[in-house]
Amino acid sequence: MALTKEQIETFEKKLLSAKSDIEKGLQKLKKDLDFGSDTDHLEEETDETEEFTNYLSVKKPLEDKLNDIEAALTRIKDGSYGKCEKCGGDIELEILEAAPRSTLCKKCKGAA
């Protein structure tokens, strides 16, 4: 069953809200990094390296999620939102409700 205009608008709002939250989170993460100018102490350099490693481990999944959201918003604009990228069938409403950025229907998701 194809999505109604109202359903698509609801998913678009959810996606835009999630995009905004992720962008704010990424900005906060970057702002919270503390690289001091006192780099002559090995202990401080070690702490800064650990902090940067932690930042990268959190940043990458958020960026991946953001990319998925932007791709879903593009699909909304081009009219392909809610269609399985593998088989071309409709993605079940329950899947989109759980994860609006989904690209696969239940059958193809199970086969993956």
Protein backbone atom coordinates (compact mmCIF):
# COMPACT_ATOMS: atom_id res chain seq x y z
CA MET A 1 0.00 0.00 0.00
CA ALA A 2 1.45 3.36 -1.02
CA LEU A 3 1.91 6.01 1.65
CA THR A 4 -0.57 8.86 1.87
CA LYS A 5 0.53 12.47 1.59
CA GLU A 6 -0.17 12.92 5.32
CA GLN A 7 1.96 9.90 6.25
CA ILE A 8 4.83 11.17 4.14
CA GLU A 9 4.56 14.61 5.77
CA THR A 10 4.64 12.97 9.22
CA PHE A 11 7.77 11.00 8.32
CA GLU A 12 9.39 14.11 6.87
CA LYS A 13 8.80 15.98 10.14
CA LYS A 14 10.29 13.09 12.14
CA LEU A 15 13.31 12.96 9.84
CA LEU A 16 13.87 16.73 10.00
CA SER A 17 13.62 16.65 13.79
CA ALA A 18 16.11 13.77 14.02
CA LYS A 19 18.44 15.60 11.60
CA SER A 20 18.35 18.72 13.75
CA ASP A 21 19.02 16.72 16.92
CA ILE A 22 22.02 14.96 15.37
CA GLU A 23 23.47 18.18 13.98
CA LYS A 24 23.17 19.82 17.40
CA GLY A 25 24.76 16.76 19.02
CA LEU A 26 27.68 16.84 16.58
CA GLN A 27 28.23 20.55 17.22
CA LYS A 28 28.17 19.98 20.98
CA LEU A 29 30.63 17.09 20.72
CA LYS A 30 33.04 19.22 18.73
CA LYS A 31 32.64 22.19 21.06
CA ASP A 32 33.28 20.02 24.12
CA LEU A 33 36.68 18.87 22.84
CA ASP A 34 39.39 20.32 25.02
CA PHE A 35 42.80 20.56 23.43
CA GLY A 36 44.92 22.64 25.73
CA SER A 37 48.04 24.48 24.74
CA ASP A 38 50.12 22.77 27.43
CA THR A 39 51.42 19.90 25.30
CA ASP A 40 54.73 19.45 27.05
CA HIS A 41 53.16 17.09 29.56
CA LEU A 42 52.85 13.53 28.32
CA GLU A 43 49.86 12.89 30.58
CA GLU A 44 47.88 15.75 29.02
CA GLU A 45 48.76 14.62 25.51
CA THR A 46 47.54 11.13 26.39
CA ASP A 47 44.26 12.50 27.75
CA GLU A 48 43.75 14.60 24.63
CA THR A 49 44.43 11.63 22.36
CA GLU A 50 41.94 9.52 24.30
CA GLU A 51 39.36 12.30 24.16
CA PHE A 52 39.79 12.67 20.39
CA THR A 53 39.51 8.90 19.88
CA ASN A 54 36.28 8.87 21.89
CA TYR A 55 35.00 11.80 19.83
CA LEU A 56 35.68 9.96 16.58
CA SER A 57 34.00 6.77 17.82
CA VAL A 58 30.81 8.74 18.57
CA LYS A 59 31.01 11.06 15.57
CA LYS A 60 31.13 8.40 12.82
CA PRO A 61 27.85 6.60 13.70
CA LEU A 62 26.09 9.96 14.07
CA GLU A 63 27.36 11.08 10.67
CA ASP A 64 26.23 7.77 9.13
CA LYS A 65 22.78 8.23 10.64
CA LEU A 66 22.68 11.82 9.39
CA ASN A 67 23.58 10.66 5.87
CA ASP A 68 20.77 8.08 5.99
CA ILE A 69 18.31 10.76 7.10
CA GLU A 70 19.41 13.12 4.33
CA ALA A 71 19.00 10.31 1.80
CA ALA A 72 15.48 9.62 3.10
CA LEU A 73 14.62 13.32 2.78
CA THR A 74 15.90 13.23 -0.81
CA ARG A 75 13.67 10.21 -1.50
CA ILE A 76 10.71 12.17 -0.14
CA LYS A 77 11.49 15.01 -2.54
CA ASP A 78 11.91 12.76 -5.57
CA GLY A 79 8.84 10.64 -4.78
CA SER A 80 10.64 7.35 -4.11
CA TYR A 81 10.25 7.39 -0.31
CA GLY A 82 8.70 4.22 1.07
CA LYS A 83 9.89 2.05 -1.82
CA CYS A 84 12.34 -0.78 -1.21
CA GLU A 85 15.67 -0.06 -2.85
CA LYS A 86 16.19 -3.77 -3.53
CA CYS A 87 12.87 -5.07 -4.88
CA GLY A 88 10.98 -1.83 -5.58
CA GLY A 89 8.01 -2.89 -3.45
CA ASP A 90 6.44 -0.86 -0.69
CA ILE A 91 8.22 -0.71 2.66
CA GLU A 92 5.78 -1.72 5.38
CA LEU A 93 4.38 1.11 7.49
CA GLU A 94 5.51 -0.58 10.71
CA ILE A 95 9.12 -0.54 9.49
CA LEU A 96 8.97 3.14 8.55
CA GLU A 97 7.35 3.99 11.87
CA ALA A 98 10.18 2.25 13.72
CA ALA A 99 12.94 3.65 11.49
CA PRO A 100 11.80 6.36 9.03
CA ARG A 101 15.14 6.24 7.20
CA SER A 102 14.67 2.56 6.25
CA THR A 103 15.43 1.59 2.65
CA LEU A 104 14.35 -2.07 2.64
CA CYS A 105 11.01 -3.86 3.00
CA LYS A 106 10.58 -6.63 5.57
CA LYS A 107 11.23 -9.40 3.04
CA CYS A 108 14.45 -7.86 1.70
CA LYS A 109 15.62 -6.85 5.17
CA GLY A 110 15.23 -10.48 6.23
CA ALA A 111 17.19 -11.70 3.22
CA ALA A 112 20.06 -9.27 3.84
